[in-house]
Protein backbone atom coordinates (compact mmCIF):
# COMPACT_ATOMS: atom_id res chain seq x y z
CA MET A 1 173.26 132.78 25.68
CA PHE A 2 170.88 134.14 23.01
CA ASN A 3 172.68 132.88 19.92
CA GLN A 4 169.97 131.79 17.43
CA LYS A 5 167.44 131.53 20.30
CA THR A 6 163.74 132.34 20.16
CA ILE A 7 162.52 134.38 23.12
CA LEU A 8 158.90 134.97 24.14
CA ILE A 9 157.95 137.80 26.50
CA THR A 10 154.51 137.67 28.09
CA GLY A 11 153.23 141.15 28.84
CA GLY A 12 155.81 142.25 26.30
CA THR A 13 154.23 145.68 25.73
CA GLY A 14 154.66 146.75 29.37
CA SER A 15 157.47 148.88 30.80
CA PHE A 16 159.76 145.92 31.42
CA GLY A 17 158.97 144.25 28.11
CA LYS A 18 159.84 147.33 26.09
CA LYS A 19 163.15 147.77 27.91
CA PHE A 20 163.95 144.09 27.52
CA ILE A 21 163.27 144.27 23.76
CA GLU A 22 165.43 147.40 23.47
CA THR A 23 168.29 145.65 25.29
CA LEU A 24 168.05 142.51 23.16
CA LEU A 25 168.06 144.47 19.91
CA ASP A 26 170.88 146.74 21.06
CA LYS A 27 173.25 144.14 22.51
CA TYR A 28 172.27 140.74 21.13
CA SER A 29 172.03 140.87 17.35
CA VAL A 30 172.30 137.07 17.18
CA VAL A 31 168.77 136.52 18.56
CA LYS A 32 166.74 134.43 16.14
CA LYS A 33 163.28 135.65 17.10
CA ILE A 34 161.63 137.86 19.76
CA ILE A 35 157.93 137.17 20.32
CA ILE A 36 155.94 139.93 22.02
CA TYR A 37 152.88 138.29 23.58
CA SER A 38 150.21 140.60 25.02
CA ARG A 39 146.53 141.45 24.78
CA ASP A 40 146.99 145.15 23.95
CA GLU A 41 146.84 145.64 20.18
CA LEU A 42 147.39 149.42 20.44
CA LYS A 43 150.65 149.04 22.34
CA GLN A 44 151.76 146.34 19.94
CA SER A 45 151.12 148.65 16.99
CA LEU A 46 153.17 151.39 18.65
CA ILE A 47 156.11 149.03 19.10
CA GLN A 48 155.76 147.90 15.48
CA LYS A 49 156.06 151.52 14.38
CA GLN A 50 159.13 151.95 16.56
CA TYR A 51 160.74 148.81 15.12
CA PRO A 52 159.68 148.47 11.43
CA ALA A 53 159.58 144.89 10.14
CA ALA A 54 161.99 145.69 7.29
CA GLU A 55 164.69 146.67 9.79
CA PHE A 56 163.79 144.27 12.62
CA PRO A 57 162.61 141.03 11.00
CA GLN A 58 163.28 139.06 14.20
CA LEU A 59 160.28 140.67 15.97
CA ARG A 60 156.96 138.83 16.09
CA PHE A 61 153.69 140.03 17.63
CA PHE A 62 151.09 137.72 19.15
CA ILE A 63 147.78 139.03 20.47
CA GLY A 64 146.93 136.77 23.37
CA ASP A 65 146.23 136.48 27.08
CA VAL A 66 148.17 134.31 29.53
CA ARG A 67 144.77 133.10 30.73
CA ASP A 68 144.30 131.42 27.33
CA ARG A 69 146.33 128.21 27.54
CA GLU A 70 145.65 127.12 23.96
CA ARG A 71 146.78 130.44 22.47
CA LEU A 72 149.85 130.46 24.71
CA MET A 73 150.73 126.96 23.51
CA GLN A 74 150.55 128.19 19.91
CA ALA A 75 152.83 131.13 20.72
CA CYS A 76 155.38 128.89 22.49
CA GLU A 77 156.01 126.55 19.56
CA GLY A 78 159.75 126.59 18.88
CA VAL A 79 160.48 128.95 21.79
CA ASP A 80 163.72 128.49 23.76
CA ILE A 81 163.28 131.13 26.49
CA ILE A 82 160.20 132.58 28.20
CA ILE A 83 160.26 135.80 30.20
CA HIS A 84 156.97 135.97 32.10
CA ALA A 85 156.18 139.64 32.79
CA ALA A 86 152.39 139.65 32.32
CA ALA A 87 150.41 140.47 35.48
CA ILE A 88 147.67 142.57 37.00
CA LYS A 89 149.88 144.82 39.14
CA GLN A 90 147.85 147.68 40.58
CA VAL A 91 147.14 146.98 44.26
CA ASP A 92 143.77 148.76 44.36
CA THR A 93 142.66 147.19 41.06
CA ALA A 94 143.43 143.73 42.44
CA GLU A 95 141.55 144.41 45.69
CA TYR A 96 138.41 145.46 43.78
CA ASN A 97 138.70 142.72 41.13
CA PRO A 98 140.16 139.77 43.05
CA THR A 99 139.01 136.99 40.73
CA GLU A 100 140.44 138.75 37.67
CA CYS A 101 143.76 139.18 39.46
CA ILE A 102 143.85 135.47 40.37
CA ARG A 103 143.01 134.42 36.82
CA THR A 104 145.89 136.41 35.37
CA ASN A 105 148.54 136.12 38.07
CA VAL A 106 147.95 132.55 39.26
CA ASN A 107 146.16 130.73 36.45
CA GLY A 108 148.30 132.59 33.93
CA ALA A 109 151.46 131.39 35.70
CA GLU A 110 150.18 127.80 35.53
CA ASN A 111 149.53 128.20 31.81
CA VAL A 112 153.04 129.50 31.20
CA ILE A 113 154.50 126.50 33.07
CA HIS A 114 152.29 124.07 31.16
CA ALA A 115 153.21 125.61 27.79
CA ALA A 116 156.93 125.55 28.63
CA LEU A 117 156.79 121.87 29.60
CA GLN A 118 154.79 120.88 26.51
CA CYS A 119 156.71 122.94 23.95
CA GLY A 120 160.28 122.08 24.87
CA VAL A 121 161.24 125.50 26.28
CA LYS A 122 164.67 125.46 27.95
CA ASP A 123 164.66 128.49 30.28
CA VAL A 124 161.83 130.34 32.05
CA VAL A 125 162.26 133.40 34.26
CA ALA A 126 159.21 134.97 35.90
CA LEU A 127 159.08 138.51 37.27
CA SER A 128 157.95 138.93 40.86
CA THR A 129 157.68 141.83 43.32
CA ASP A 130 158.64 142.80 46.85
CA LYS A 131 154.93 142.69 47.61
CA ALA A 132 155.07 138.89 47.29
CA CYS A 133 157.18 138.78 50.46
CA ALA A 134 154.90 138.41 53.53
CA PRO A 135 151.99 139.79 51.47
CA ILE A 136 149.17 141.84 52.97
CA ASN A 137 147.31 142.57 49.71
CA LEU A 138 145.84 140.32 47.04
CA TYR A 139 148.33 141.34 44.37
CA GLY A 140 151.23 140.32 46.62
CA ALA A 141 149.46 137.08 47.58
CA THR A 142 148.91 136.09 43.95
CA LYS A 143 152.53 136.81 43.10
CA LEU A 144 153.67 134.70 46.07
CA VAL A 145 151.56 131.84 44.71
CA SER A 146 153.07 132.44 41.27
CA ASP A 147 156.60 132.33 42.74
CA LYS A 148 155.82 129.01 44.45
CA LEU A 149 154.38 127.57 41.23
CA PHE A 150 157.50 128.42 39.22
CA ALA A 151 159.84 127.06 41.91
CA ALA A 152 157.86 123.83 42.20
CA ALA A 153 157.67 123.42 38.40
CA ASN A 154 161.27 122.20 38.48
CA ASN A 155 160.11 119.15 40.43
CA ILE A 156 157.69 118.05 37.69
CA ARG A 157 159.88 118.57 34.64
CA GLY A 158 160.91 114.90 34.54
CA SER A 159 163.43 114.30 31.76
CA LYS A 160 162.73 117.67 30.13
CA GLU A 161 165.70 120.06 30.05
CA VAL A 162 163.88 123.13 31.32
CA ARG A 163 164.67 125.41 34.24
CA PHE A 164 162.19 127.70 35.99
CA SER A 165 163.35 130.62 38.18
CA VAL A 166 162.05 133.94 39.51
CA VAL A 167 163.46 137.45 39.92
CA ARG A 168 162.05 139.61 42.71
CA TYR A 169 162.76 143.32 43.02
CA GLY A 170 161.31 146.58 44.32
CA ASN A 171 159.72 149.67 42.82
CA VAL A 172 160.88 150.26 39.25
CA MET A 173 161.86 153.86 38.71
CA GLY A 174 159.74 155.49 36.03
CA SER A 175 157.46 152.52 35.38
CA ARG A 176 153.78 153.11 34.67
CA GLY A 177 151.93 154.14 37.84
CA SER A 178 155.08 154.55 39.97
CA VAL A 179 155.58 157.39 42.42
CA ILE A 180 158.17 159.55 40.63
CA PRO A 181 156.16 160.11 37.40
CA PHE A 182 153.12 160.69 39.61
CA PHE A 183 154.94 163.38 41.61
CA MET A 184 156.24 164.96 38.40
CA GLU A 185 152.67 165.29 37.16
CA LYS A 186 151.53 166.79 40.48
CA LYS A 187 154.46 169.17 40.74
CA CYS A 188 152.71 171.87 38.70
CA GLU A 189 149.88 171.94 41.28
CA GLY A 190 152.30 172.84 44.06
CA VAL A 191 151.16 169.98 46.35
CA LEU A 192 152.62 166.46 46.52
CA PRO A 193 150.40 163.89 48.29
CA ILE A 194 152.34 161.32 50.29
CA THR A 195 150.92 158.44 52.28
CA HIS A 196 153.19 158.56 55.37
CA ASN A 197 156.23 160.59 56.41
CA GLU A 198 158.27 157.49 57.31
CA MET A 199 157.48 155.38 54.24
CA THR A 200 160.41 153.69 52.46
CA ARG A 201 160.71 151.60 49.31
CA PHE A 202 163.36 149.68 47.39
CA ASN A 203 164.42 151.34 44.14
CA ILE A 204 165.61 149.82 40.86
CA SER A 205 165.88 151.12 37.30
CA LEU A 206 164.25 149.31 34.39
CA GLN A 207 167.68 148.54 32.96
CA ASP A 208 168.85 147.00 36.22
CA GLY A 209 165.68 144.92 36.27
CA VAL A 210 166.50 143.68 32.77
CA ASN A 211 170.10 143.01 33.81
CA LEU A 212 168.87 140.87 36.72
CA VAL A 213 166.81 138.75 34.32
CA MET A 214 169.87 138.36 32.07
CA PHE A 215 171.89 137.27 35.11
CA ALA A 216 169.22 134.75 36.12
CA LEU A 217 169.11 133.28 32.60
CA SER A 218 172.88 132.90 32.52
CA ARG A 219 173.24 131.37 35.99
CA HIS A 220 170.10 129.66 37.22
CA LEU A 221 169.82 125.98 38.02
CA GLY A 222 166.07 126.26 38.52
CA GLY A 223 163.96 127.06 41.57
CA GLU A 224 165.85 130.15 42.76
CA ILE A 225 164.21 133.48 43.54
CA PHE A 226 166.90 136.05 42.70
CA VAL A 227 166.81 139.22 44.80
CA PRO A 228 169.12 142.13 43.86
CA LYS A 229 171.04 144.24 46.33
CA ILE A 230 169.52 147.64 45.57
CA PRO A 231 169.13 150.93 47.47
CA SER A 232 166.09 152.19 49.33
CA TYR A 233 164.59 155.66 49.30
CA ARG A 234 162.52 157.66 51.74
CA ILE A 235 159.30 159.02 50.29
CA LEU A 236 160.07 162.48 51.70
CA ASP A 237 163.39 162.46 49.82
CA VAL A 238 161.55 161.61 46.60
CA ALA A 239 159.17 164.51 47.18
CA SER A 240 162.08 166.84 47.85
CA ALA A 241 163.98 165.61 44.78
CA VAL A 242 161.01 166.19 42.46
CA GLY A 243 159.53 169.36 43.94
CA SER A 244 161.54 170.95 46.71
CA LYS A 245 159.26 174.00 46.67
CA CYS A 246 156.04 172.00 46.77
CA GLU A 247 153.86 171.55 49.82
CA VAL A 248 153.76 167.97 51.13
CA LYS A 249 150.31 166.70 52.12
CA VAL A 250 149.99 163.47 54.11
CA VAL A 251 146.96 161.53 52.83
CA GLY A 252 147.36 158.27 54.76
CA ILE A 253 148.42 154.75 53.87
CA ARG A 254 146.18 153.16 51.24
CA PRO A 255 144.43 149.81 51.80
CA GLY A 256 146.82 146.91 51.24
CA GLU A 257 149.92 149.12 51.46
CA LYS A 258 152.90 148.61 53.79
CA LEU A 259 154.92 151.30 55.53
CA HIS A 260 158.11 149.47 54.51
CA GLU A 261 158.67 146.70 51.97
CA GLU A 262 160.57 143.47 52.53
CA MET A 263 162.13 141.10 50.01
CA ILE A 264 163.60 138.47 52.33
CA THR A 265 161.98 137.57 55.65
CA GLY A 266 163.67 136.07 58.70
CA THR A 267 162.07 132.74 57.83
CA ASP A 268 163.36 132.97 54.24
CA SER A 269 166.88 133.43 55.60
CA TYR A 270 167.23 129.72 56.33
CA HIS A 271 166.97 129.05 52.58
CA THR A 272 168.84 132.13 51.32
CA ILE A 273 172.35 132.36 49.90
CA ASP A 274 174.50 135.42 49.15
CA LEU A 275 175.87 135.56 45.59
CA GLY A 276 177.69 138.89 46.01
CA ASP A 277 175.64 141.28 43.89
CA CYS A 278 172.37 139.59 44.76
CA TYR A 279 170.72 137.00 46.99
CA ALA A 280 168.94 133.82 45.98
CA ILE A 281 166.10 132.30 47.99
CA LEU A 282 166.27 128.57 47.35
CA PRO A 283 163.18 126.38 47.05
CA SER A 284 162.06 124.93 50.39
CA VAL A 285 161.29 121.64 48.61
CA SER A 286 163.60 120.57 45.78
CA TYR A 287 163.98 117.16 44.17
CA THR A 288 166.47 118.42 41.61
CA TYR A 289 169.33 120.03 43.56
CA SER A 290 170.57 120.10 47.15
CA GLU A 291 171.44 123.28 48.99
CA GLU A 292 175.12 122.33 48.71
CA GLU A 293 174.82 122.01 44.93
CA TYR A 294 173.16 125.43 44.67
CA MET A 295 175.89 127.01 46.80
CA LYS A 296 178.68 125.37 44.81
CA HIS A 297 177.14 126.35 41.46
CA HIS A 298 176.64 129.98 42.48
CA LYS A 299 179.89 130.20 44.49
CA ALA A 300 177.73 131.52 47.32
CA ILE A 301 177.59 131.56 51.09
CA LYS A 302 174.58 131.30 53.37
CA VAL A 303 173.14 134.44 54.94
CA PRO A 304 172.98 134.54 58.75
CA ALA A 305 169.96 132.90 60.36
CA GLY A 306 167.25 135.48 60.93
CA PHE A 307 168.59 137.84 58.24
CA ARG A 308 165.98 140.22 56.84
CA TYR A 309 166.15 142.38 53.73
CA ASN A 310 163.88 145.33 54.50
CA SER A 311 163.64 148.75 52.82
CA ALA A 312 163.76 150.49 56.23
CA THR A 313 166.90 148.72 57.50
CA ASN A 314 168.74 148.59 54.17
CA GLU A 315 172.43 149.55 54.11
CA LYS A 316 172.15 151.36 50.75
CA TRP A 317 170.15 154.61 50.42
CA GLU A 318 169.35 157.05 47.67
CA THR A 319 169.78 160.73 48.53
CA VAL A 320 167.88 163.72 47.16
CA GLU A 321 170.82 164.42 44.86
CA SER A 322 171.17 160.84 43.63
CA LEU A 323 167.42 160.65 42.99
CA ARG A 324 167.57 163.78 40.84
CA ALA A 325 170.45 162.32 38.85
CA LEU A 326 168.50 159.09 38.33
CA ILE A 327 165.44 161.03 37.16
CA VAL A 328 167.57 162.75 34.51
CA GLU A 329 169.16 159.44 33.51
CA HIS A 330 166.12 157.19 33.43
CA ILE A 331 162.95 159.29 33.20
CA ASP A 332 163.36 162.83 31.83
CA SER A 333 166.69 164.12 30.53
CA THR A 334 165.35 167.71 30.68
CA PHE A 335 164.28 167.46 34.33
CA VAL A 336 165.09 170.45 36.54
CA ALA A 337 164.28 170.34 40.25
């Protein structure tokens, strides 16, 4: 899949980008070139120190913003695969700076699509979020628009051999700004602030997020939104796993926040197929493939009408014990509850 291919990662200095780079270098030595495209020169310099040019000549670093179409076009020359991970992701930041969020998350998505079409890119996978499903905040709304743009891009590719797809998943364990590292910082104070006693979230590791992108690249026809089958956790279980002796203080749900997250709505179910380890929401309008062709290609079956994939009604759950094991595995190997 990656043999002598050039891969560009937008937002390549973020949590996902770094894990994706690590995975490529560890498991796919045949990659021709990995281009890290981001606007953060400090983070790029840190990655350069981690992977010296003499030992990792396949790495390239481009300072640039997905808002800048011309610069993105320059970066995409000769690129085979784009992983679009760049976004403004903090819910409160997006609510206070709505235009900036739209420029990055929506206009940036358009620029990625335009660059891919113009530069002969073959495969594009964009990262989404559970907040794009029935969104109630601006961040989720912009990511829903982005998802729609990437799905619809397959209808305007003409004779170009390019496929655009999306992966959508829940909270990434240990990523910047996520709840577990936040609780671990607060643990020393003896009080863990939670928003609501009944709150639930989907949970996925960075590596599983990377694996889902690899799966999408290897299997997509174009237009699918891939949704993994992952466990949920209860926020009280997270608090107990991190600091069982800490006091829990309820501070209330923040603006733009849901009590439970959803990745597939009842309406989505009419366009959703079950691939076994994950689901795929098919494009509602497709001029490239029929639903039957998608199902045959993925060896999939349709989900029942009205099916919902919600963090509160999920069949898979993390326990306090499993959360502690995951913290040791993915966040801090020296962690002690």
